[in-house]
PDB file of N, CA and C in Angstrom:
ATOM      1  N   UNK A   1       0.703 -83.956  40.300  1.00  0.00           N
ATOM      2  CA  UNK A   1      -0.135 -83.474  39.217  1.00  0.00           C
ATOM      3  C   UNK A   1       0.503 -82.223  38.627  1.00  0.00           C
ATOM      4  N   UNK A   2       0.650 -82.157  37.312  1.00  0.00           N
ATOM      5  CA  UNK A   2       1.258 -80.994  36.674  1.00  0.00           C
ATOM      6  C   UNK A   2       0.200 -79.928  36.415  1.00  0.00           C
ATOM      7  N   UNK A   3       0.609 -78.657  36.455  1.00  0.00           N
ATOM      8  CA  UNK A   3      -0.352 -77.575  36.215  1.00  0.00           C
ATOM      9  C   UNK A   3      -0.838 -77.594  34.773  1.00  0.00           C
ATOM     10  N   UNK A   4      -2.077 -77.181  34.579  1.00  0.00           N
ATOM     11  CA  UNK A   4      -2.661 -77.116  33.241  1.00  0.00           C
ATOM     12  C   UNK A   4      -2.265 -75.778  32.635  1.00  0.00           C
ATOM     13  N   UNK A   5      -1.685 -75.820  31.442  1.00  0.00           N
ATOM     14  CA  UNK A   5      -1.302 -74.589  30.761  1.00  0.00           C
ATOM     15  C   UNK A   5      -2.032 -74.504  29.433  1.00  0.00           C
ATOM     16  N   UNK A   6      -2.329 -73.295  29.059  1.00  0.00           N
ATOM     17  CA  UNK A   6      -2.969 -73.049  27.772  1.00  0.00           C
ATOM     18  C   UNK A   6      -1.898 -73.062  26.694  1.00  0.00           C
ATOM     19  N   UNK A   7      -2.076 -73.857  25.641  1.00  0.00           N
ATOM     20  CA  UNK A   7      -1.055 -73.890  24.596  1.00  0.00           C
ATOM     21  C   UNK A   7      -0.972 -72.566  23.854  1.00  0.00           C
ATOM     22  N   UNK A   8       0.228 -72.191  23.532  1.00  0.00           N
ATOM     23  CA  UNK A   8       0.474 -70.983  22.758  1.00  0.00           C
ATOM     24  C   UNK A   8       0.084 -71.266  21.306  1.00  0.00           C
ATOM     25  N   UNK A   9      -0.657 -70.363  20.649  1.00  0.00           N
ATOM     26  CA  UNK A   9      -1.033 -70.592  19.246  1.00  0.00           C
ATOM     27  C   UNK A   9       0.170 -70.855  18.352  1.00  0.00           C
ATOM     28  N   UNK A  10       1.324 -70.276  18.702  1.00  0.00           N
ATOM     29  CA  UNK A  10       2.526 -70.526  17.906  1.00  0.00           C
ATOM     30  C   UNK A  10       2.936 -71.989  17.977  1.00  0.00           C
ATOM     31  N   UNK A  11       2.655 -72.623  19.114  1.00  0.00           N
ATOM     32  CA  UNK A  11       3.001 -74.037  19.279  1.00  0.00           C
ATOM     33  C   UNK A  11       2.104 -74.933  18.433  1.00  0.00           C
ATOM     34  N   UNK A  12       1.002 -74.412  17.967  1.00  0.00           N
ATOM     35  CA  UNK A  12       0.041 -75.193  17.196  1.00  0.00           C
ATOM     36  C   UNK A  12       0.303 -75.121  15.690  1.00  0.00           C
ATOM     37  N   UNK A  13       1.284 -74.336  15.294  1.00  0.00           N
ATOM     38  CA  UNK A  13       1.571 -74.175  13.869  1.00  0.00           C
ATOM     39  C   UNK A  13       2.188 -75.439  13.299  1.00  0.00           C
ATOM     40  N   UNK A  14       1.863 -75.721  12.058  1.00  0.00           N
ATOM     41  CA  UNK A  14       2.416 -76.872  11.354  1.00  0.00           C
ATOM     42  C   UNK A  14       2.962 -76.401  10.013  1.00  0.00           C
ATOM     43  N   UNK A  15       4.129 -76.866   9.686  1.00  0.00           N
ATOM     44  CA  UNK A  15       4.758 -76.505   8.424  1.00  0.00           C
ATOM     45  C   UNK A  15       5.020 -77.778   7.633  1.00  0.00           C
ATOM     46  N   UNK A  16       4.719 -77.745   6.371  1.00  0.00           N
ATOM     47  CA  UNK A  16       4.954 -78.885   5.494  1.00  0.00           C
ATOM     48  C   UNK A  16       6.034 -78.508   4.492  1.00  0.00           C
ATOM     49  N   UNK A  17       7.034 -79.371   4.374  1.00  0.00           N
ATOM     50  CA  UNK A  17       8.119 -79.161   3.436  1.00  0.00           C
ATOM     51  C   UNK A  17       8.208 -80.409   2.583  1.00  0.00           C
ATOM     52  N   UNK A  18       8.266 -80.190   1.294  1.00  0.00           N
ATOM     53  CA  UNK A  18       8.316 -81.337   0.387  1.00  0.00           C
ATOM     54  C   UNK A  18       9.650 -82.073   0.544  1.00  0.00           C
ATOM     55  N   UNK A  19       9.641 -83.348   0.189  1.00  0.00           N
ATOM     56  CA  UNK A  19      10.866 -84.151   0.230  1.00  0.00           C
ATOM     57  C   UNK A  19      11.922 -83.560  -0.702  1.00  0.00           C
ATOM     58  N   UNK A  20      11.477 -83.025  -1.821  1.00  0.00           N
ATOM     59  CA  UNK A  20      12.393 -82.420  -2.783  1.00  0.00           C
ATOM     60  C   UNK A  20      13.142 -81.240  -2.161  1.00  0.00           C
ATOM     61  N   UNK A  21      12.429 -80.404  -1.446  1.00  0.00           N
ATOM     62  CA  UNK A  21      13.069 -79.253  -0.795  1.00  0.00           C
ATOM     63  C   UNK A  21      14.000 -79.696   0.322  1.00  0.00           C
ATOM     64  N   UNK A  22      13.618 -80.730   1.049  1.00  0.00           N
ATOM     65  CA  UNK A  22      14.492 -81.251   2.094  1.00  0.00           C
ATOM     66  C   UNK A  22      15.782 -81.814   1.512  1.00  0.00           C
ATOM     67  N   UNK A  23      15.663 -82.519   0.401  1.00  0.00           N
ATOM     68  CA  UNK A  23      16.858 -83.059  -0.259  1.00  0.00           C
ATOM     69  C   UNK A  23      17.761 -81.931  -0.753  1.00  0.00           C
ATOM     70  N   UNK A  24      17.168 -80.891  -1.315  1.00  0.00           N
ATOM     71  CA  UNK A  24      17.946 -79.754  -1.801  1.00  0.00           C
ATOM     72  C   UNK A  24      18.675 -79.069  -0.642  1.00  0.00           C
ATOM     73  N   UNK A  25      17.991 -78.914   0.487  1.00  0.00           N
ATOM     74  CA  UNK A  25      18.620 -78.296   1.665  1.00  0.00           C
ATOM     75  C   UNK A  25      19.756 -79.169   2.182  1.00  0.00           C
ATOM     76  N   UNK A  26      19.563 -80.479   2.174  1.00  0.00           N
ATOM     77  CA  UNK A  26      20.587 -81.406   2.666  1.00  0.00           C
ATOM     78  C   UNK A  26      21.852 -81.344   1.814  1.00  0.00           C
ATOM     79  N   UNK A  27      21.728 -80.972   0.561  1.00  0.00           N
ATOM     80  CA  UNK A  27      22.892 -80.891  -0.331  1.00  0.00           C
ATOM     81  C   UNK A  27      23.719 -79.624  -0.098  1.00  0.00           C
ATOM     82  N   UNK A  28      23.155 -78.642   0.619  1.00  0.00           N
ATOM     83  CA  UNK A  28      23.878 -77.393   0.854  1.00  0.00           C
ATOM     84  C   UNK A  28      25.032 -77.620   1.824  1.00  0.00           C
ATOM     85  N   UNK A  29      26.071 -76.813   1.667  1.00  0.00           N
ATOM     86  CA  UNK A  29      27.177 -76.852   2.633  1.00  0.00           C
ATOM     87  C   UNK A  29      26.697 -76.202   3.934  1.00  0.00           C
ATOM     88  N   UNK A  30      27.467 -76.382   4.999  1.00  0.00           N
ATOM     89  CA  UNK A  30      27.086 -75.778   6.278  1.00  0.00           C
ATOM     90  C   UNK A  30      27.043 -74.257   6.178  1.00  0.00           C
ATOM     91  N   UNK A  31      27.966 -73.683   5.432  1.00  0.00           N
ATOM     92  CA  UNK A  31      27.979 -72.230   5.247  1.00  0.00           C
ATOM     93  C   UNK A  31      26.737 -71.765   4.485  1.00  0.00           C
ATOM     94  N   UNK A  32      26.340 -72.530   3.458  1.00  0.00           N
ATOM     95  CA  UNK A  32      25.133 -72.183   2.706  1.00  0.00           C
ATOM     96  C   UNK A  32      23.883 -72.317   3.581  1.00  0.00           C
ATOM     97  N   UNK A  33      23.845 -73.339   4.422  1.00  0.00           N
ATOM     98  CA  UNK A  33      22.701 -73.506   5.329  1.00  0.00           C
ATOM     99  C   UNK A  33      22.616 -72.337   6.298  1.00  0.00           C
ATOM    100  N   UNK A  34      23.765 -71.946   6.856  1.00  0.00           N
ATOM    101  CA  UNK A  34      23.789 -70.818   7.781  1.00  0.00           C
ATOM    102  C   UNK A  34      23.320 -69.544   7.082  1.00  0.00           C
ATOM    103  N   UNK A  35      23.787 -69.327   5.870  1.00  0.00           N
ATOM    104  CA  UNK A  35      23.364 -68.159   5.095  1.00  0.00           C
ATOM    105  C   UNK A  35      21.853 -68.182   4.876  1.00  0.00           C
ATOM    106  N   UNK A  36      21.306 -69.349   4.571  1.00  0.00           N
ATOM    107  CA  UNK A  36      19.865 -69.500   4.354  1.00  0.00           C
ATOM    108  C   UNK A  36      19.096 -69.160   5.629  1.00  0.00           C
ATOM    109  N   UNK A  37      19.578 -69.662   6.768  1.00  0.00           N
ATOM    110  CA  UNK A  37      18.918 -69.386   8.047  1.00  0.00           C
ATOM    111  C   UNK A  37      18.978 -67.896   8.365  1.00  0.00           C
ATOM    112  N   UNK A  38      20.131 -67.268   8.113  1.00  0.00           N
ATOM    113  CA  UNK A  38      20.261 -65.833   8.353  1.00  0.00           C
ATOM    114  C   UNK A  38      19.310 -65.030   7.477  1.00  0.00           C
ATOM    115  N   UNK A  39      19.146 -65.435   6.223  1.00  0.00           N
ATOM    116  CA  UNK A  39      18.209 -64.747   5.325  1.00  0.00           C
ATOM    117  C   UNK A  39      16.775 -64.892   5.826  1.00  0.00           C
ATOM    118  N   UNK A  40      16.422 -66.078   6.269  1.00  0.00           N
ATOM    119  CA  UNK A  40      15.073 -66.298   6.806  1.00  0.00           C
ATOM    120  C   UNK A  40      14.842 -65.439   8.040  1.00  0.00           C
ATOM    121  N   UNK A  41      15.837 -65.393   8.907  1.00  0.00           N
ATOM    122  CA  UNK A  41      15.735 -64.598  10.122  1.00  0.00           C
ATOM    123  C   UNK A  41      15.564 -63.120   9.791  1.00  0.00           C
ATOM    124  N   UNK A  42      16.333 -62.636   8.832  1.00  0.00           N
ATOM    125  CA  UNK A  42      16.210 -61.240   8.418  1.00  0.00           C
ATOM    126  C   UNK A  42      14.821 -60.957   7.846  1.00  0.00           C
ATOM    127  N   UNK A  43      14.304 -61.877   7.053  1.00  0.00           N
ATOM    128  CA  UNK A  43      12.968 -61.716   6.479  1.00  0.00           C
ATOM    129  C   UNK A  43      11.916 -61.615   7.587  1.00  0.00           C
ATOM    130  N   UNK A  44      12.021 -62.479   8.582  1.00  0.00           N
ATOM    131  CA  UNK A  44      11.055 -62.470   9.682  1.00  0.00           C
ATOM    132  C   UNK A  44      11.144 -61.153  10.450  1.00  0.00           C
ATOM    133  N   UNK A  45      12.372 -60.691  10.736  1.00  0.00           N
ATOM    134  CA  UNK A  45      12.531 -59.415  11.451  1.00  0.00           C
ATOM    135  C   UNK A  45      11.923 -58.267  10.661  1.00  0.00           C
ATOM    136  N   UNK A  46      12.172 -58.224   9.357  1.00  0.00           N
ATOM    137  CA  UNK A  46      11.613 -57.149   8.525  1.00  0.00           C
ATOM    138  C   UNK A  46      10.085 -57.208   8.507  1.00  0.00           C
ATOM    139  N   UNK A  47       9.546 -58.403   8.434  1.00  0.00           N
ATOM    140  CA  UNK A  47       8.086 -58.547   8.446  1.00  0.00           C
ATOM    141  C   UNK A  47       7.512 -58.094   9.782  1.00  0.00           C
ATOM    142  N   UNK A  48       8.179 -58.445  10.880  1.00  0.00           N
ATOM    143  CA  UNK A  48       7.710 -58.025  12.194  1.00  0.00           C
ATOM    144  C   UNK A  48       7.767 -56.507  12.335  1.00  0.00           C
ATOM    145  N   UNK A  49       8.835 -55.895  11.832  1.00  0.00           N
ATOM    146  CA  UNK A  49       8.955 -54.440  11.880  1.00  0.00           C
ATOM    147  C   UNK A  49       7.858 -53.774  11.063  1.00  0.00           C
ATOM    148  N   UNK A  50       7.569 -54.320   9.895  1.00  0.00           N
ATOM    149  CA  UNK A  50       6.512 -53.756   9.049  1.00  0.00           C
ATOM    150  C   UNK A  50       5.155 -53.876   9.732  1.00  0.00           C
ATOM    151  N   UNK A  51       4.909 -55.014  10.369  1.00  0.00           N
ATOM    152  CA  UNK A  51       3.637 -55.190  11.078  1.00  0.00           C
ATOM    153  C   UNK A  51       3.542 -54.211  12.242  1.00  0.00           C
ATOM    154  N   UNK A  52       4.627 -54.030  12.974  1.00  0.00           N
ATOM    155  CA  UNK A  52       4.630 -53.094  14.099  1.00  0.00           C
ATOM    156  C   UNK A  52       4.384 -51.672  13.601  1.00  0.00           C
ATOM    157  N   UNK A  53       5.002 -51.323  12.484  1.00  0.00           N
ATOM    158  CA  UNK A  53       4.809 -49.989  11.904  1.00  0.00           C
ATOM    159  C   UNK A  53       3.348 -49.802  11.494  1.00  0.00           C
ATOM    160  N   UNK A  54       2.768 -50.797  10.848  1.00  0.00           N
ATOM    161  CA  UNK A  54       1.363 -50.720  10.454  1.00  0.00           C
ATOM    162  C   UNK A  54       0.467 -50.565  11.668  1.00  0.00           C
ATOM    163  N   UNK A  55       0.773 -51.288  12.737  1.00  0.00           N
ATOM    164  CA  UNK A  55      -0.026 -51.181  13.958  1.00  0.00           C
ATOM    165  C   UNK A  55       0.088 -49.788  14.563  1.00  0.00           C
ATOM    166  N   UNK A  56       1.311 -49.204  14.544  1.00  0.00           N
ATOM    167  CA  UNK A  56       1.495 -47.851  15.075  1.00  0.00           C
ATOM    168  C   UNK A  56       0.711 -46.850  14.246  1.00  0.00           C
ATOM    169  N   UNK A  57       0.747 -47.003  12.927  1.00  0.00           N
ATOM    170  CA  UNK A  57       0.002 -46.095  12.043  1.00  0.00           C
ATOM    171  C   UNK A  57      -1.489 -46.225  12.322  1.00  0.00           C
ATOM    172  N   UNK A  58      -1.959 -47.455  12.465  1.00  0.00           N
ATOM    173  CA  UNK A  58      -3.379 -47.681  12.735  1.00  0.00           C
ATOM    174  C   UNK A  58      -3.769 -47.043  14.070  1.00  0.00           C
ATOM    175  N   UNK A  59      -2.945 -47.216  15.102  1.00  0.00           N
ATOM    176  CA  UNK A  59      -3.245 -46.621  16.399  1.00  0.00           C
ATOM    177  C   UNK A  59      -3.188 -45.099  16.325  1.00  0.00           C
ATOM    178  N   UNK A  60      -2.256 -44.574  15.531  1.00  0.00           N
ATOM    179  CA  UNK A  60      -2.155 -43.126  15.375  1.00  0.00           C
ATOM    180  C   UNK A  60      -3.398 -42.576  14.683  1.00  0.00           C
ATOM    181  N   UNK A  61      -3.910 -43.299  13.686  1.00  0.00           N
ATOM    182  CA  UNK A  61      -5.125 -42.861  13.000  1.00  0.00           C
ATOM    183  C   UNK A  61      -6.304 -42.841  13.965  1.00  0.00           C
ATOM    184  N   UNK A  62      -6.402 -43.862  14.789  1.00  0.00           N
ATOM    185  CA  UNK A  62      -7.488 -43.909  15.771  1.00  0.00           C
ATOM    186  C   UNK A  62      -7.348 -42.755  16.746  1.00  0.00           C
ATOM    187  N   UNK A  63      -6.124 -42.500  17.202  1.00  0.00           N
ATOM    188  CA  UNK A  63      -5.889 -41.404  18.143  1.00  0.00           C
ATOM    189  C   UNK A  63      -6.203 -40.064  17.509  1.00  0.00           C
ATOM    190  N   UNK A  64      -5.831 -39.886  16.240  1.00  0.00           N
ATOM    191  CA  UNK A  64      -6.068 -38.596  15.596  1.00  0.00           C
ATOM    192  C   UNK A  64      -7.559 -38.344  15.424  1.00  0.00           C
ATOM    193  N   UNK A  65      -8.336 -39.371  15.191  1.00  0.00           N
ATOM    194  CA  UNK A  65      -9.786 -39.206  15.100  1.00  0.00           C
ATOM    195  C   UNK A  65     -10.325 -38.749  16.446  1.00  0.00           C
ATOM    196  N   UNK A  66      -9.817 -39.339  17.508  1.00  0.00           N
ATOM    197  CA  UNK A  66     -10.225 -38.934  18.853  1.00  0.00           C
ATOM    198  C   UNK A  66      -9.806 -37.508  19.145  1.00  0.00           C
ATOM    199  N   UNK A  67      -8.616 -37.109  18.688  1.00  0.00           N
ATOM    200  CA  UNK A  67      -8.149 -35.745  18.911  1.00  0.00           C
ATOM    201  C   UNK A  67      -8.982 -34.754  18.125  1.00  0.00           C
ATOM    202  N   UNK A  68      -9.369 -35.115  16.904  1.00  0.00           N
ATOM    203  CA  UNK A  68     -10.186 -34.209  16.103  1.00  0.00           C
ATOM    204  C   UNK A  68     -11.526 -33.941  16.780  1.00  0.00           C
ATOM    205  N   UNK A  69     -12.089 -34.942  17.408  1.00  0.00           N
ATOM    206  CA  UNK A  69     -13.363 -34.753  18.110  1.00  0.00           C
ATOM    207  C   UNK A  69     -13.193 -33.838  19.308  1.00  0.00           C
ATOM    208  N   UNK A  70     -12.006 -33.857  19.927  1.00  0.00           N
ATOM    209  CA  UNK A  70     -11.776 -33.074  21.129  1.00  0.00           C
ATOM    210  C   UNK A  70     -11.208 -31.695  20.868  1.00  0.00           C
ATOM    211  N   UNK A  71     -11.203 -31.232  19.604  1.00  0.00           N
ATOM    212  CA  UNK A  71     -10.599 -29.945  19.282  1.00  0.00           C
ATOM    213  C   UNK A  71     -11.447 -28.760  19.721  1.00  0.00           C
ATOM    214  N   UNK A  72     -12.644 -28.983  20.233  1.00  0.00           N
ATOM    215  CA  UNK A  72     -13.506 -27.868  20.647  1.00  0.00           C
ATOM    216  C   UNK A  72     -12.947 -27.133  21.847  1.00  0.00           C
ATOM    217  N   UNK A  73     -11.988 -27.751  22.546  1.00  0.00           N
ATOM    218  CA  UNK A  73     -11.389 -27.084  23.691  1.00  0.00           C
ATOM    219  C   UNK A  73     -12.096 -27.443  24.979  1.00  0.00           C
ATOM    220  N   UNK A  74     -13.186 -28.149  24.897  1.00  0.00           N
ATOM    221  CA  UNK A  74     -13.908 -28.540  26.090  1.00  0.00           C
ATOM    222  C   UNK A  74     -13.254 -29.719  26.781  1.00  0.00           C
ATOM    223  N   UNK A  75     -13.659 -29.963  28.004  1.00  0.00           N
ATOM    224  CA  UNK A  75     -13.094 -31.081  28.736  1.00  0.00           C
ATOM    225  C   UNK A  75     -13.809 -32.367  28.324  1.00  0.00           C
ATOM    226  N   UNK A  76     -13.255 -33.477  28.712  1.00  0.00           N
ATOM    227  CA  UNK A  76     -13.874 -34.759  28.422  1.00  0.00           C
ATOM    228  C   UNK A  76     -15.238 -34.857  29.063  1.00  0.00           C
ATOM    229  N   UNK A  77     -15.351 -34.334  30.282  1.00  0.00           N
ATOM    230  CA  UNK A  77     -16.639 -34.386  30.984  1.00  0.00           C
ATOM    231  C   UNK A  77     -17.690 -33.583  30.228  1.00  0.00           C
ATOM    232  N   UNK A  78     -17.290 -32.436  29.663  1.00  0.00           N
ATOM    233  CA  UNK A  78     -18.228 -31.614  28.904  1.00  0.00           C
ATOM    234  C   UNK A  78     -18.665 -32.340  27.639  1.00  0.00           C
ATOM    235  N   UNK A  79     -17.714 -32.998  26.991  1.00  0.00           N
ATOM    236  CA  UNK A  79     -18.051 -33.728  25.774  1.00  0.00           C
ATOM    237  C   UNK A  79     -19.009 -34.854  26.081  1.00  0.00           C
ATOM    238  N   UNK A  80     -18.785 -35.578  27.172  1.00  0.00           N
ATOM    239  CA  UNK A  80     -19.660 -36.685  27.534  1.00  0.00           C
ATOM    240  C   UNK A  80     -21.042 -36.177  27.899  1.00  0.00           C
ATOM    241  N   UNK A  81     -21.108 -34.988  28.482  1.00  0.00           N
ATOM    242  CA  UNK A  81     -22.408 -34.426  28.875  1.00  0.00           C
ATOM    243  C   UNK A  81     -23.117 -33.800  27.691  1.00  0.00           C
ATOM    244  N   UNK A  82     -22.411 -33.684  26.558  1.00  0.00           N
ATOM    245  CA  UNK A  82     -23.026 -33.118  25.366  1.00  0.00           C
ATOM    246  C   UNK A  82     -22.962 -31.611  25.341  1.00  0.00           C
ATOM    247  N   UNK A  83     -22.073 -31.008  26.119  1.00  0.00           N
ATOM    248  CA  UNK A  83     -21.955 -29.549  26.184  1.00  0.00           C
ATOM    249  C   UNK A  83     -21.102 -29.047  25.053  1.00  0.00           C
TER     250      UNK A  83
END
């Protein structure tokens, strides 16, 4: 019996490409195809970096709000007790 695994959401993605686009890609030389793949890869990396940057900014904003609340100089226990 094989172990049950939860499918990764990435594995559930479906992409549709028109026959016209497939024919156009098939007409490219191997060098052109490689260039196309490299461009796609670069685009994905840039998008991932932008998302990571946005997430860091969002986390920094959340942290700064928490820091602003704690600027009274009191300890966390004092803040929780309402002192």
